[in-house]
Amino acid sequence: MTSFVVPPGQIRTLRACMVCSVVMPQSKFAREGCPNCEHVLQLRGNNDAIQECTSQVFEGLISIIDERQSWVARWQRLEGYVPGTYAIKVTGTLPTETIASLEDAGIKYIPRDGSANEEES
């Protein structure tokens, strides 16, 4: 399991993925990409994509260790995601072409800002 420790001086660099809501420092997104969405978003080494697909504006933090046994993970739609720290709400708008790429990959995008009707599919 990866450790999630953010030195006090780096708290302002935290960003949340607008697709899965994982929270990491911007430098970790640049170095490793998104642990859940990298196959579509391709954030690793791409600062423009990081700026477009992650947000500094998010609310609340939850930590998920075992998403299969966590009711919070189910409530936040985090089933199948890696253990880590996630935002409860993420503010931001994905570019239209990114949403199309997600749909092409078979991923139904539901904004994580609480604005969309989050009906079970």
PDB file of N, CA and C in Angstrom:
ATOM      1  N   MET A   1       0.853  -1.173   0.000  1.00  0.00           N
ATOM      2  CA  MET A   1       0.000   0.000   0.000  1.00  0.00           C
ATOM      3  C   MET A   1       0.896   1.232   0.000  1.00  0.00           C
ATOM      4  N   THR A   2       0.516   2.234  -0.766  1.00  0.00           N
ATOM      5  CA  THR A   2       1.292   3.464  -0.830  1.00  0.00           C
ATOM      6  C   THR A   2       0.946   4.350   0.350  1.00  0.00           C
ATOM      7  N   SER A   3       1.928   5.061   0.804  1.00  0.00           N
ATOM      8  CA  SER A   3       1.734   5.967   1.918  1.00  0.00           C
ATOM      9  C   SER A   3       1.268   7.324   1.398  1.00  0.00           C
ATOM     10  N   PHE A   4       0.376   7.946   2.129  1.00  0.00           N
ATOM     11  CA  PHE A   4      -0.099   9.270   1.749  1.00  0.00           C
ATOM     12  C   PHE A   4       0.276  10.240   2.857  1.00  0.00           C
ATOM     13  N   VAL A   5       1.458  10.793   2.752  1.00  0.00           N
ATOM     14  CA  VAL A   5       1.926  11.770   3.716  1.00  0.00           C
ATOM     15  C   VAL A   5       2.249  13.037   2.942  1.00  0.00           C
ATOM     16  N   VAL A   6       1.661  14.145   3.369  1.00  0.00           N
ATOM     17  CA  VAL A   6       1.913  15.419   2.707  1.00  0.00           C
ATOM     18  C   VAL A   6       2.613  16.336   3.704  1.00  0.00           C
ATOM     19  N   PRO A   7       3.858  16.700   3.408  1.00  0.00           N
ATOM     20  CA  PRO A   7       4.547  17.634   4.293  1.00  0.00           C
ATOM     21  C   PRO A   7       3.757  18.943   4.391  1.00  0.00           C
ATOM     22  N   PRO A   8       3.764  19.593   5.556  1.00  0.00           N
ATOM     23  CA  PRO A   8       2.974  20.808   5.759  1.00  0.00           C
ATOM     24  C   PRO A   8       3.159  21.864   4.666  1.00  0.00           C
ATOM     25  N   GLY A   9       4.345  22.015   4.131  1.00  0.00           N
ATOM     26  CA  GLY A   9       4.588  23.016   3.096  1.00  0.00           C
ATOM     27  C   GLY A   9       3.955  22.695   1.752  1.00  0.00           C
ATOM     28  N   GLN A  10       3.475  21.462   1.570  1.00  0.00           N
ATOM     29  CA  GLN A  10       2.914  21.060   0.278  1.00  0.00           C
ATOM     30  C   GLN A  10       1.388  20.960   0.273  1.00  0.00           C
ATOM     31  N   ILE A  11       0.756  21.322   1.373  1.00  0.00           N
ATOM     32  CA  ILE A  11      -0.699  21.199   1.446  1.00  0.00           C
ATOM     33  C   ILE A  11      -1.376  22.037   0.364  1.00  0.00           C
ATOM     34  N   ARG A  12      -0.818  23.177   0.034  1.00  0.00           N
ATOM     35  CA  ARG A  12      -1.420  24.035  -0.997  1.00  0.00           C
ATOM     36  C   ARG A  12      -1.286  23.449  -2.394  1.00  0.00           C
ATOM     37  N   THR A  13      -0.474  22.408  -2.547  1.00  0.00           N
ATOM     38  CA  THR A  13      -0.301  21.802  -3.869  1.00  0.00           C
ATOM     39  C   THR A  13      -1.257  20.640  -4.109  1.00  0.00           C
ATOM     40  N   LEU A  14      -2.115  20.337  -3.131  1.00  0.00           N
ATOM     41  CA  LEU A  14      -3.043  19.216  -3.298  1.00  0.00           C
ATOM     42  C   LEU A  14      -4.062  19.518  -4.387  1.00  0.00           C
ATOM     43  N   ARG A  15      -4.348  18.485  -5.172  1.00  0.00           N
ATOM     44  CA  ARG A  15      -5.342  18.580  -6.235  1.00  0.00           C
ATOM     45  C   ARG A  15      -6.188  17.311  -6.193  1.00  0.00           C
ATOM     46  N   ALA A  16      -7.411  17.403  -6.675  1.00  0.00           N
ATOM     47  CA  ALA A  16      -8.308  16.250  -6.735  1.00  0.00           C
ATOM     48  C   ALA A  16      -8.660  15.966  -8.186  1.00  0.00           C
ATOM     49  N   CYS A  17      -8.604  14.707  -8.554  1.00  0.00           N
ATOM     50  CA  CYS A  17      -8.999  14.284  -9.905  1.00  0.00           C
ATOM     51  C   CYS A  17     -10.496  14.537 -10.063  1.00  0.00           C
ATOM     52  N   MET A  18     -10.892  15.162 -11.159  1.00  0.00           N
ATOM     53  CA  MET A  18     -12.311  15.455 -11.382  1.00  0.00           C
ATOM     54  C   MET A  18     -13.109  14.224 -11.806  1.00  0.00           C
ATOM     55  N   VAL A  19     -12.429  13.135 -12.133  1.00  0.00           N
ATOM     56  CA  VAL A  19     -13.129  11.913 -12.533  1.00  0.00           C
ATOM     57  C   VAL A  19     -13.335  10.989 -11.333  1.00  0.00           C
ATOM     58  N   CYS A  20     -12.276  10.685 -10.594  1.00  0.00           N
ATOM     59  CA  CYS A  20     -12.383   9.722  -9.491  1.00  0.00           C
ATOM     60  C   CYS A  20     -12.306  10.361  -8.107  1.00  0.00           C
ATOM     61  N   SER A  21     -11.877  11.605  -8.013  1.00  0.00           N
ATOM     62  CA  SER A  21     -11.767  12.411  -6.790  1.00  0.00           C
ATOM     63  C   SER A  21     -10.577  12.051  -5.896  1.00  0.00           C
ATOM     64  N   VAL A  22      -9.613  11.252  -6.382  1.00  0.00           N
ATOM     65  CA  VAL A  22      -8.433  10.973  -5.580  1.00  0.00           C
ATOM     66  C   VAL A  22      -7.673  12.292  -5.369  1.00  0.00           C
ATOM     67  N   VAL A  23      -7.118  12.465  -4.167  1.00  0.00           N
ATOM     68  CA  VAL A  23      -6.401  13.692  -3.817  1.00  0.00           C
ATOM     69  C   VAL A  23      -4.924  13.375  -3.645  1.00  0.00           C
ATOM     70  N   MET A  24      -4.089  14.136  -4.357  1.00  0.00           N
ATOM     71  CA  MET A  24      -2.631  13.969  -4.270  1.00  0.00           C
ATOM     72  C   MET A  24      -1.984  15.325  -4.537  1.00  0.00           C
ATOM     73  N   PRO A  25      -0.716  15.471  -4.144  1.00  0.00           N
ATOM     74  CA  PRO A  25       0.002  16.689  -4.529  1.00  0.00           C
ATOM     75  C   PRO A  25       0.159  16.747  -6.055  1.00  0.00           C
ATOM     76  N   GLN A  26       0.201  17.942  -6.601  1.00  0.00           N
ATOM     77  CA  GLN A  26       0.356  18.114  -8.049  1.00  0.00           C
ATOM     78  C   GLN A  26       1.597  17.388  -8.543  1.00  0.00           C
ATOM     79  N   SER A  27       2.677  17.408  -7.767  1.00  0.00           N
ATOM     80  CA  SER A  27       3.921  16.748  -8.191  1.00  0.00           C
ATOM     81  C   SER A  27       3.741  15.239  -8.334  1.00  0.00           C
ATOM     82  N   LYS A  28       2.874  14.642  -7.502  1.00  0.00           N
ATOM     83  CA  LYS A  28       2.640  13.198  -7.609  1.00  0.00           C
ATOM     84  C   LYS A  28       1.800  12.864  -8.841  1.00  0.00           C
ATOM     85  N   PHE A  29       0.815  13.732  -9.161  1.00  0.00           N
ATOM     86  CA  PHE A  29       0.075  13.547 -10.418  1.00  0.00           C
ATOM     87  C   PHE A  29       1.043  13.615 -11.597  1.00  0.00           C
ATOM     88  N   ALA A  30       1.996  14.566 -11.539  1.00  0.00           N
ATOM     89  CA  ALA A  30       2.951  14.723 -12.640  1.00  0.00           C
ATOM     90  C   ALA A  30       3.891  13.528 -12.741  1.00  0.00           C
ATOM     91  N   ARG A  31       4.307  13.001 -11.600  1.00  0.00           N
ATOM     92  CA  ARG A  31       5.260  11.893 -11.571  1.00  0.00           C
ATOM     93  C   ARG A  31       4.612  10.547 -11.879  1.00  0.00           C
ATOM     94  N   GLU A  32       3.392  10.310 -11.329  1.00  0.00           N
ATOM     95  CA  GLU A  32       2.772   8.985 -11.417  1.00  0.00           C
ATOM     96  C   GLU A  32       1.460   8.946 -12.195  1.00  0.00           C
ATOM     97  N   GLY A  33       0.842  10.102 -12.400  1.00  0.00           N
ATOM     98  CA  GLY A  33      -0.473  10.123 -13.025  1.00  0.00           C
ATOM     99  C   GLY A  33      -1.544   9.763 -12.009  1.00  0.00           C
ATOM    100  N   CYS A  34      -2.767   9.666 -12.458  1.00  0.00           N
ATOM    101  CA  CYS A  34      -3.873   9.284 -11.574  1.00  0.00           C
ATOM    102  C   CYS A  34      -3.883   7.769 -11.420  1.00  0.00           C
ATOM    103  N   PRO A  35      -3.913   7.272 -10.183  1.00  0.00           N
ATOM    104  CA  PRO A  35      -3.875   5.817  -9.986  1.00  0.00           C
ATOM    105  C   PRO A  35      -5.125   5.092 -10.490  1.00  0.00           C
ATOM    106  N   ASN A  36      -6.212   5.814 -10.713  1.00  0.00           N
ATOM    107  CA  ASN A  36      -7.452   5.197 -11.182  1.00  0.00           C
ATOM    108  C   ASN A  36      -7.776   5.509 -12.644  1.00  0.00           C
ATOM    109  N   CYS A  37      -7.368   6.650 -13.126  1.00  0.00           N
ATOM    110  CA  CYS A  37      -7.830   7.140 -14.438  1.00  0.00           C
ATOM    111  C   CYS A  37      -6.708   7.355 -15.450  1.00  0.00           C
ATOM    112  N   GLU A  38      -5.501   6.975 -15.132  1.00  0.00           N
ATOM    113  CA  GLU A  38      -4.353   7.289 -15.990  1.00  0.00           C
ATOM    114  C   GLU A  38      -4.520   6.747 -17.408  1.00  0.00           C
ATOM    115  N   HIS A  39      -5.129   5.577 -17.553  1.00  0.00           N
ATOM    116  CA  HIS A  39      -5.286   4.979 -18.882  1.00  0.00           C
ATOM    117  C   HIS A  39      -6.112   5.853 -19.823  1.00  0.00           C
ATOM    118  N   VAL A  40      -6.926   6.761 -19.268  1.00  0.00           N
ATOM    119  CA  VAL A  40      -7.723   7.650 -20.106  1.00  0.00           C
ATOM    120  C   VAL A  40      -7.201   9.092 -20.051  1.00  0.00           C
ATOM    121  N   LEU A  41      -6.914   9.580 -18.839  1.00  0.00           N
ATOM    122  CA  LEU A  41      -6.536  10.984 -18.690  1.00  0.00           C
ATOM    123  C   LEU A  41      -5.096  11.287 -19.091  1.00  0.00           C
ATOM    124  N   GLN A  42      -4.206  10.333 -18.922  1.00  0.00           N
ATOM    125  CA  GLN A  42      -2.786  10.489 -19.280  1.00  0.00           C
ATOM    126  C   GLN A  42      -2.181  11.756 -18.663  1.00  0.00           C
ATOM    127  N   LEU A  43      -2.229  11.815 -17.334  1.00  0.00           N
ATOM    128  CA  LEU A  43      -1.724  12.978 -16.607  1.00  0.00           C
ATOM    129  C   LEU A  43      -0.216  12.941 -16.391  1.00  0.00           C
ATOM    130  N   ARG A  44       0.362  11.750 -16.354  1.00  0.00           N
ATOM    131  CA  ARG A  44       1.793  11.609 -16.049  1.00  0.00           C
ATOM    132  C   ARG A  44       2.624  12.474 -16.991  1.00  0.00           C
ATOM    133  N   GLY A  45       3.374  13.411 -16.406  1.00  0.00           N
ATOM    134  CA  GLY A  45       4.262  14.264 -17.173  1.00  0.00           C
ATOM    135  C   GLY A  45       3.567  15.306 -18.037  1.00  0.00           C
ATOM    136  N   ASN A  46       2.253  15.479 -17.872  1.00  0.00           N
ATOM    137  CA  ASN A  46       1.497  16.392 -18.725  1.00  0.00           C
ATOM    138  C   ASN A  46       0.819  17.467 -17.866  1.00  0.00           C
ATOM    139  N   ASN A  47       1.529  18.570 -17.634  1.00  0.00           N
ATOM    140  CA  ASN A  47       1.033  19.617 -16.749  1.00  0.00           C
ATOM    141  C   ASN A  47      -0.281  20.229 -17.252  1.00  0.00           C
ATOM    142  N   ASP A  48      -0.453  20.362 -18.565  1.00  0.00           N
ATOM    143  CA  ASP A  48      -1.705  20.905 -19.106  1.00  0.00           C
ATOM    144  C   ASP A  48      -2.885  20.004 -18.750  1.00  0.00           C
ATOM    145  N   ALA A  49      -2.705  18.698 -18.908  1.00  0.00           N
ATOM    146  CA  ALA A  49      -3.768  17.750 -18.574  1.00  0.00           C
ATOM    147  C   ALA A  49      -4.066  17.780 -17.071  1.00  0.00           C
ATOM    148  N   ILE A  50      -3.025  17.922 -16.251  1.00  0.00           N
ATOM    149  CA  ILE A  50      -3.227  18.005 -14.795  1.00  0.00           C
ATOM    150  C   ILE A  50      -4.079  19.229 -14.466  1.00  0.00           C
ATOM    151  N   GLN A  51      -3.782  20.355 -15.081  1.00  0.00           N
ATOM    152  CA  GLN A  51      -4.554  21.580 -14.840  1.00  0.00           C
ATOM    153  C   GLN A  51      -6.002  21.434 -15.300  1.00  0.00           C
ATOM    154  N   GLU A  52      -6.232  20.716 -16.400  1.00  0.00           N
ATOM    155  CA  GLU A  52      -7.579  20.571 -16.954  1.00  0.00           C
ATOM    156  C   GLU A  52      -8.420  19.510 -16.248  1.00  0.00           C
ATOM    157  N   CYS A  53      -7.781  18.462 -15.737  1.00  0.00           N
ATOM    158  CA  CYS A  53      -8.524  17.301 -15.227  1.00  0.00           C
ATOM    159  C   CYS A  53      -8.479  17.135 -13.710  1.00  0.00           C
ATOM    160  N   THR A  54      -7.742  18.015 -13.024  1.00  0.00           N
ATOM    161  CA  THR A  54      -7.729  18.000 -11.566  1.00  0.00           C
ATOM    162  C   THR A  54      -8.096  19.397 -11.087  1.00  0.00           C
ATOM    163  N   SER A  55      -8.458  19.501  -9.823  1.00  0.00           N
ATOM    164  CA  SER A  55      -8.883  20.792  -9.282  1.00  0.00           C
ATOM    165  C   SER A  55      -8.281  21.015  -7.898  1.00  0.00           C
ATOM    166  N   GLN A  56      -7.955  22.265  -7.608  1.00  0.00           N
ATOM    167  CA  GLN A  56      -7.508  22.644  -6.266  1.00  0.00           C
ATOM    168  C   GLN A  56      -8.707  22.917  -5.365  1.00  0.00           C
ATOM    169  N   VAL A  57      -9.899  22.970  -5.939  1.00  0.00           N
ATOM    170  CA  VAL A  57     -11.100  23.307  -5.186  1.00  0.00           C
ATOM    171  C   VAL A  57     -11.888  22.023  -4.914  1.00  0.00           C
ATOM    172  N   PHE A  58     -11.820  21.579  -3.670  1.00  0.00           N
ATOM    173  CA  PHE A  58     -12.554  20.377  -3.277  1.00  0.00           C
ATOM    174  C   PHE A  58     -12.955  20.496  -1.820  1.00  0.00           C
ATOM    175  N   GLU A  59     -13.930  19.670  -1.424  1.00  0.00           N
ATOM    176  CA  GLU A  59     -14.437  19.693  -0.058  1.00  0.00           C
ATOM    177  C   GLU A  59     -14.290  18.319   0.573  1.00  0.00           C
ATOM    178  N   GLY A  60     -13.919  18.303   1.832  1.00  0.00           N
ATOM    179  CA  GLY A  60     -13.877  17.084   2.618  1.00  0.00           C
ATOM    180  C   GLY A  60     -12.873  16.076   2.131  1.00  0.00           C
ATOM    181  N   LEU A  61     -12.339  15.303   3.040  1.00  0.00           N
ATOM    182  CA  LEU A  61     -11.405  14.236   2.703  1.00  0.00           C
ATOM    183  C   LEU A  61     -11.836  12.962   3.402  1.00  0.00           C
ATOM    184  N   ILE A  62     -11.782  11.864   2.666  1.00  0.00           N
ATOM    185  CA  ILE A  62     -12.015  10.552   3.267  1.00  0.00           C
ATOM    186  C   ILE A  62     -10.871   9.645   2.839  1.00  0.00           C
ATOM    187  N   SER A  63     -10.539   8.709   3.685  1.00  0.00           N
ATOM    188  CA  SER A  63      -9.504   7.735   3.351  1.00  0.00           C
ATOM    189  C   SER A  63     -10.154   6.383   3.177  1.00  0.00           C
ATOM    190  N   ILE A  64      -9.797   5.724   2.102  1.00  0.00           N
ATOM    191  CA  ILE A  64     -10.343   4.404   1.802  1.00  0.00           C
ATOM    192  C   ILE A  64      -9.204   3.392   1.872  1.00  0.00           C
ATOM    193  N   ILE A  65      -9.387   2.369   2.683  1.00  0.00           N
ATOM    194  CA  ILE A  65      -8.396   1.303   2.775  1.00  0.00           C
ATOM    195  C   ILE A  65      -8.881   0.081   2.004  1.00  0.00           C
ATOM    196  N   ASP A  66     -10.139  -0.315   2.248  1.00  0.00           N
ATOM    197  CA  ASP A  66     -10.719  -1.464   1.547  1.00  0.00           C
ATOM    198  C   ASP A  66     -12.079  -1.051   0.997  1.00  0.00           C
ATOM    199  N   GLU A  67     -12.111  -0.655  -0.277  1.00  0.00           N
ATOM    200  CA  GLU A  67     -13.339  -0.130  -0.871  1.00  0.00           C
ATOM    201  C   GLU A  67     -14.451  -1.169  -0.934  1.00  0.00           C
ATOM    202  N   ARG A  68     -14.115  -2.453  -0.858  1.00  0.00           N
ATOM    203  CA  ARG A  68     -15.154  -3.483  -0.933  1.00  0.00           C
ATOM    204  C   ARG A  68     -15.966  -3.570   0.354  1.00  0.00           C
ATOM    205  N   GLN A  69     -15.368  -3.180   1.482  1.00  0.00           N
ATOM    206  CA  GLN A  69     -16.069  -3.288   2.757  1.00  0.00           C
ATOM    207  C   GLN A  69     -16.506  -1.939   3.312  1.00  0.00           C
ATOM    208  N   SER A  70     -16.318  -0.881   2.569  1.00  0.00           N
ATOM    209  CA  SER A  70     -16.611   0.458   3.058  1.00  0.00           C
ATOM    210  C   SER A  70     -17.923   0.993   2.499  1.00  0.00           C
ATOM    211  N   TRP A  71     -18.866   1.304   3.379  1.00  0.00           N
ATOM    212  CA  TRP A  71     -20.115   1.911   2.912  1.00  0.00           C
ATOM    213  C   TRP A  71     -19.840   3.319   2.383  1.00  0.00           C
ATOM    214  N   VAL A  72     -18.831   3.994   2.933  1.00  0.00           N
ATOM    215  CA  VAL A  72     -18.478   5.332   2.457  1.00  0.00           C
ATOM    216  C   VAL A  72     -17.968   5.253   1.014  1.00  0.00           C
ATOM    217  N   ALA A  73     -17.196   4.223   0.698  1.00  0.00           N
ATOM    218  CA  ALA A  73     -16.707   4.048  -0.673  1.00  0.00           C
ATOM    219  C   ALA A  73     -17.881   3.836  -1.627  1.00  0.00           C
ATOM    220  N   ARG A  74     -18.856   3.049  -1.212  1.00  0.00           N
ATOM    221  CA  ARG A  74     -20.042   2.842  -2.062  1.00  0.00           C
ATOM    222  C   ARG A  74     -20.811   4.152  -2.214  1.00  0.00           C
ATOM    223  N   TRP A  75     -21.005   4.879  -1.126  1.00  0.00           N
ATOM    224  CA  TRP A  75     -21.732   6.141  -1.136  1.00  0.00           C
ATOM    225  C   TRP A  75     -21.051   7.155  -2.065  1.00  0.00           C
ATOM    226  N   GLN A  76     -19.724   7.145  -2.086  1.00  0.00           N
ATOM    227  CA  GLN A  76     -18.960   8.083  -2.914  1.00  0.00           C
ATOM    228  C   GLN A  76     -18.650   7.529  -4.309  1.00  0.00           C
ATOM    229  N   ARG A  77     -19.172   6.348  -4.643  1.00  0.00           N
ATOM    230  CA  ARG A  77     -18.924   5.703  -5.939  1.00  0.00           C
ATOM    231  C   ARG A  77     -17.430   5.460  -6.165  1.00  0.00           C
ATOM    232  N   LEU A  78     -16.770   4.861  -5.184  1.00  0.00           N
ATOM    233  CA  LEU A  78     -15.329   4.603  -5.273  1.00  0.00           C
ATOM    234  C   LEU A  78     -15.016   3.125  -5.411  1.00  0.00           C
ATOM    235  N   GLU A  79     -16.012   2.308  -5.716  1.00  0.00           N
ATOM    236  CA  GLU A  79     -15.781   0.879  -5.866  1.00  0.00           C
ATOM    237  C   GLU A  79     -14.778   0.633  -6.988  1.00  0.00           C
ATOM    238  N   GLY A  80     -13.804  -0.223  -6.721  1.00  0.00           N
ATOM    239  CA  GLY A  80     -12.812  -0.570  -7.726  1.00  0.00           C
ATOM    240  C   GLY A  80     -11.623   0.378  -7.771  1.00  0.00           C
ATOM    241  N   TYR A  81     -11.616   1.406  -6.952  1.00  0.00           N
ATOM    242  CA  TYR A  81     -10.511   2.358  -6.944  1.00  0.00           C
ATOM    243  C   TYR A  81      -9.444   1.947  -5.923  1.00  0.00           C
ATOM    244  N   VAL A  82      -8.245   2.448  -6.113  1.00  0.00           N
ATOM    245  CA  VAL A  82      -7.129   2.104  -5.235  1.00  0.00           C
ATOM    246  C   VAL A  82      -7.335   2.726  -3.856  1.00  0.00           C
ATOM    247  N   PRO A  83      -6.766   2.106  -2.817  1.00  0.00           N
ATOM    248  CA  PRO A  83      -6.813   2.730  -1.492  1.00  0.00           C
ATOM    249  C   PRO A  83      -6.138   4.103  -1.554  1.00  0.00           C
ATOM    250  N   GLY A  84      -6.656   5.035  -0.805  1.00  0.00           N
ATOM    251  CA  GLY A  84      -6.059   6.365  -0.791  1.00  0.00           C
ATOM    252  C   GLY A  84      -6.973   7.392  -0.175  1.00  0.00           C
ATOM    253  N   THR A  85      -6.662   8.644  -0.411  1.00  0.00           N
ATOM    254  CA  THR A  85      -7.434   9.760   0.119  1.00  0.00           C
ATOM    255  C   THR A  85      -8.235  10.371  -1.033  1.00  0.00           C
ATOM    256  N   TYR A  86      -9.522  10.590  -0.773  1.00  0.00           N
ATOM    257  CA  TYR A  86     -10.444  11.072  -1.795  1.00  0.00           C
ATOM    258  C   TYR A  86     -11.213  12.281  -1.275  1.00  0.00           C
ATOM    259  N   ALA A  87     -11.559  13.187  -2.189  1.00  0.00           N
ATOM    260  CA  ALA A  87     -12.394  14.338  -1.855  1.00  0.00           C
ATOM    261  C   ALA A  87     -13.855  13.925  -1.900  1.00  0.00           C
ATOM    262  N   ILE A  88     -14.667  14.548  -1.068  1.00  0.00           N
ATOM    263  CA  ILE A  88     -16.100  14.272  -1.088  1.00  0.00           C
ATOM    264  C   ILE A  88     -16.756  14.986  -2.262  1.00  0.00           C
ATOM    265  N   LYS A  89     -16.349  16.233  -2.514  1.00  0.00           N
ATOM    266  CA  LYS A  89     -16.835  16.991  -3.673  1.00  0.00           C
ATOM    267  C   LYS A  89     -15.649  17.645  -4.352  1.00  0.00           C
ATOM    268  N   VAL A  90     -15.660  17.661  -5.668  1.00  0.00           N
ATOM    269  CA  VAL A  90     -14.600  18.291  -6.453  1.00  0.00           C
ATOM    270  C   VAL A  90     -15.256  19.297  -7.392  1.00  0.00           C
ATOM    271  N   THR A  91     -14.808  20.547  -7.335  1.00  0.00           N
ATOM    272  CA  THR A  91     -15.351  21.595  -8.179  1.00  0.00           C
ATOM    273  C   THR A  91     -14.490  21.759  -9.420  1.00  0.00           C
ATOM    274  N   GLY A  92     -15.125  21.811 -10.565  1.00  0.00           N
ATOM    275  CA  GLY A  92     -14.400  21.996 -11.814  1.00  0.00           C
ATOM    276  C   GLY A  92     -15.170  21.382 -12.967  1.00  0.00           C
ATOM    277  N   THR A  93     -14.762  21.738 -14.174  1.00  0.00           N
ATOM    278  CA  THR A  93     -15.414  21.234 -15.370  1.00  0.00           C
ATOM    279  C   THR A  93     -14.382  20.589 -16.282  1.00  0.00           C
ATOM    280  N   LEU A  94     -14.607  19.347 -16.616  1.00  0.00           N
ATOM    281  CA  LEU A  94     -13.705  18.660 -17.549  1.00  0.00           C
ATOM    282  C   LEU A  94     -13.907  19.181 -18.964  1.00  0.00           C
ATOM    283  N   PRO A  95     -12.847  19.220 -19.763  1.00  0.00           N
ATOM    284  CA  PRO A  95     -12.997  19.590 -21.173  1.00  0.00           C
ATOM    285  C   PRO A  95     -13.890  18.568 -21.891  1.00  0.00           C
ATOM    286  N   THR A  96     -14.636  19.042 -22.871  1.00  0.00           N
ATOM    287  CA  THR A  96     -15.557  18.200 -23.631  1.00  0.00           C
ATOM    288  C   THR A  96     -14.848  17.002 -24.253  1.00  0.00           C
ATOM    289  N   GLU A  97     -13.633  17.213 -24.788  1.00  0.00           N
ATOM    290  CA  GLU A  97     -12.908  16.102 -25.422  1.00  0.00           C
ATOM    291  C   GLU A  97     -12.493  15.040 -24.402  1.00  0.00           C
ATOM    292  N   THR A  98     -12.254  15.455 -23.150  1.00  0.00           N
ATOM    293  CA  THR A  98     -11.920  14.479 -22.104  1.00  0.00           C
ATOM    294  C   THR A  98     -13.146  13.642 -21.764  1.00  0.00           C
ATOM    295  N   ILE A  99     -14.305  14.272 -21.677  1.00  0.00           N
ATOM    296  CA  ILE A  99     -15.547  13.537 -21.404  1.00  0.00           C
ATOM    297  C   ILE A  99     -15.809  12.542 -22.531  1.00  0.00           C
ATOM    298  N   ALA A 100     -15.555  12.948 -23.777  1.00  0.00           N
ATOM    299  CA  ALA A 100     -15.731  12.040 -24.921  1.00  0.00           C
ATOM    300  C   ALA A 100     -14.765  10.865 -24.827  1.00  0.00           C
ATOM    301  N   SER A 101     -13.518  11.119 -24.421  1.00  0.00           N
ATOM    302  CA  SER A 101     -12.530  10.035 -24.255  1.00  0.00           C
ATOM    303  C   SER A 101     -12.969   9.049 -23.180  1.00  0.00           C
ATOM    304  N   LEU A 102     -13.531   9.564 -22.096  1.00  0.00           N
ATOM    305  CA  LEU A 102     -14.033   8.689 -21.030  1.00  0.00           C
ATOM    306  C   LEU A 102     -15.149   7.806 -21.561  1.00  0.00           C
ATOM    307  N   GLU A 103     -16.083   8.413 -22.284  1.00  0.00           N
ATOM    308  CA  GLU A 103     -17.204   7.641 -22.839  1.00  0.00           C
ATOM    309  C   GLU A 103     -16.711   6.600 -23.835  1.00  0.00           C
ATOM    310  N   ASP A 104     -15.715   6.961 -24.656  1.00  0.00           N
ATOM    311  CA  ASP A 104     -15.134   6.002 -25.606  1.00  0.00           C
ATOM    312  C   ASP A 104     -14.500   4.818 -24.886  1.00  0.00           C
ATOM    313  N   ALA A 105     -13.987   5.067 -23.668  1.00  0.00           N
ATOM    314  CA  ALA A 105     -13.365   4.012 -22.871  1.00  0.00           C
ATOM    315  C   ALA A 105     -14.397   3.245 -22.037  1.00  0.00           C
ATOM    316  N   GLY A 106     -15.678   3.583 -22.203  1.00  0.00           N
ATOM    317  CA  GLY A 106     -16.731   2.879 -21.479  1.00  0.00           C
ATOM    318  C   GLY A 106     -16.955   3.379 -20.065  1.00  0.00           C
ATOM    319  N   ILE A 107     -16.478   4.587 -19.770  1.00  0.00           N
ATOM    320  CA  ILE A 107     -16.623   5.156 -18.431  1.00  0.00           C
ATOM    321  C   ILE A 107     -17.708   6.219 -18.477  1.00  0.00           C
ATOM    322  N   LYS A 108     -18.768   6.022 -17.676  1.00  0.00           N
ATOM    323  CA  LYS A 108     -19.833   7.020 -17.603  1.00  0.00           C
ATOM    324  C   LYS A 108     -19.378   8.100 -16.635  1.00  0.00           C
ATOM    325  N   TYR A 109     -19.173   9.300 -17.151  1.00  0.00           N
ATOM    326  CA  TYR A 109     -18.697  10.404 -16.316  1.00  0.00           C
ATOM    327  C   TYR A 109     -19.853  11.050 -15.559  1.00  0.00           C
ATOM    328  N   ILE A 110     -19.722  11.107 -14.255  1.00  0.00           N
ATOM    329  CA  ILE A 110     -20.669  11.820 -13.399  1.00  0.00           C
ATOM    330  C   ILE A 110     -19.856  12.851 -12.636  1.00  0.00           C
ATOM    331  N   PRO A 111     -20.138  14.144 -12.832  1.00  0.00           N
ATOM    332  CA  PRO A 111     -19.373  15.169 -12.124  1.00  0.00           C
ATOM    333  C   PRO A 111     -19.375  14.916 -10.619  1.00  0.00           C
ATOM    334  N   ARG A 112     -18.260  15.190  -9.978  1.00  0.00           N
ATOM    335  CA  ARG A 112     -18.114  14.939  -8.543  1.00  0.00           C
ATOM    336  C   ARG A 112     -18.398  16.179  -7.705  1.00  0.00           C
ATOM    337  N   ASP A 113     -19.066  17.177  -8.318  1.00  0.00           N
ATOM    338  CA  ASP A 113     -19.352  18.399  -7.577  1.00  0.00           C
ATOM    339  C   ASP A 113     -20.762  18.435  -6.997  1.00  0.00           C
ATOM    340  N   GLY A 114     -21.518  17.366  -7.183  1.00  0.00           N
ATOM    341  CA  GLY A 114     -22.867  17.286  -6.643  1.00  0.00           C
ATOM    342  C   GLY A 114     -23.913  17.949  -7.528  1.00  0.00           C
ATOM    343  N   SER A 115     -23.515  18.466  -8.687  1.00  0.00           N
ATOM    344  CA  SER A 115     -24.454  19.202  -9.552  1.00  0.00           C
ATOM    345  C   SER A 115     -25.315  18.276 -10.408  1.00  0.00           C
ATOM    346  N   ALA A 116     -24.778  17.110 -10.754  1.00  0.00           N
ATOM    347  CA  ALA A 116     -25.509  16.196 -11.640  1.00  0.00           C
ATOM    348  C   ALA A 116     -26.412  15.277 -10.847  1.00  0.00           C
ATOM    349  N   ASN A 117     -27.432  14.802 -11.512  1.00  0.00           N
ATOM    350  CA  ASN A 117     -28.328  13.809 -10.908  1.00  0.00           C
ATOM    351  C   ASN A 117     -27.538  12.508 -10.853  1.00  0.00           C
ATOM    352  N   GLU A 118     -27.286  12.020  -9.650  1.00  0.00           N
ATOM    353  CA  GLU A 118     -26.434  10.854  -9.474  1.00  0.00           C
ATOM    354  C   GLU A 118     -27.250   9.592  -9.285  1.00  0.00           C
ATOM    355  N   GLU A 119     -28.117   9.303 -10.226  1.00  0.00           N
ATOM    356  CA  GLU A 119     -28.935   8.096 -10.152  1.00  0.00           C
ATOM    357  C   GLU A 119     -28.081   6.874 -10.371  1.00  0.00           C
ATOM    358  N   GLU A 120     -28.479   5.802  -9.730  1.00  0.00           N
ATOM    359  CA  GLU A 120     -27.781   4.527  -9.954  1.00  0.00           C
ATOM    360  C   GLU A 120     -28.067   4.057 -11.367  1.00  0.00           C
ATOM    361  N   SER A 121     -27.051   3.555 -12.051  1.00  0.00           N
ATOM    362  CA  SER A 121     -27.280   3.076 -13.412  1.00  0.00           C
ATOM    363  C   SER A 121     -27.471   1.588 -13.455  1.00  0.00           C
TER     364      SER A 121
END
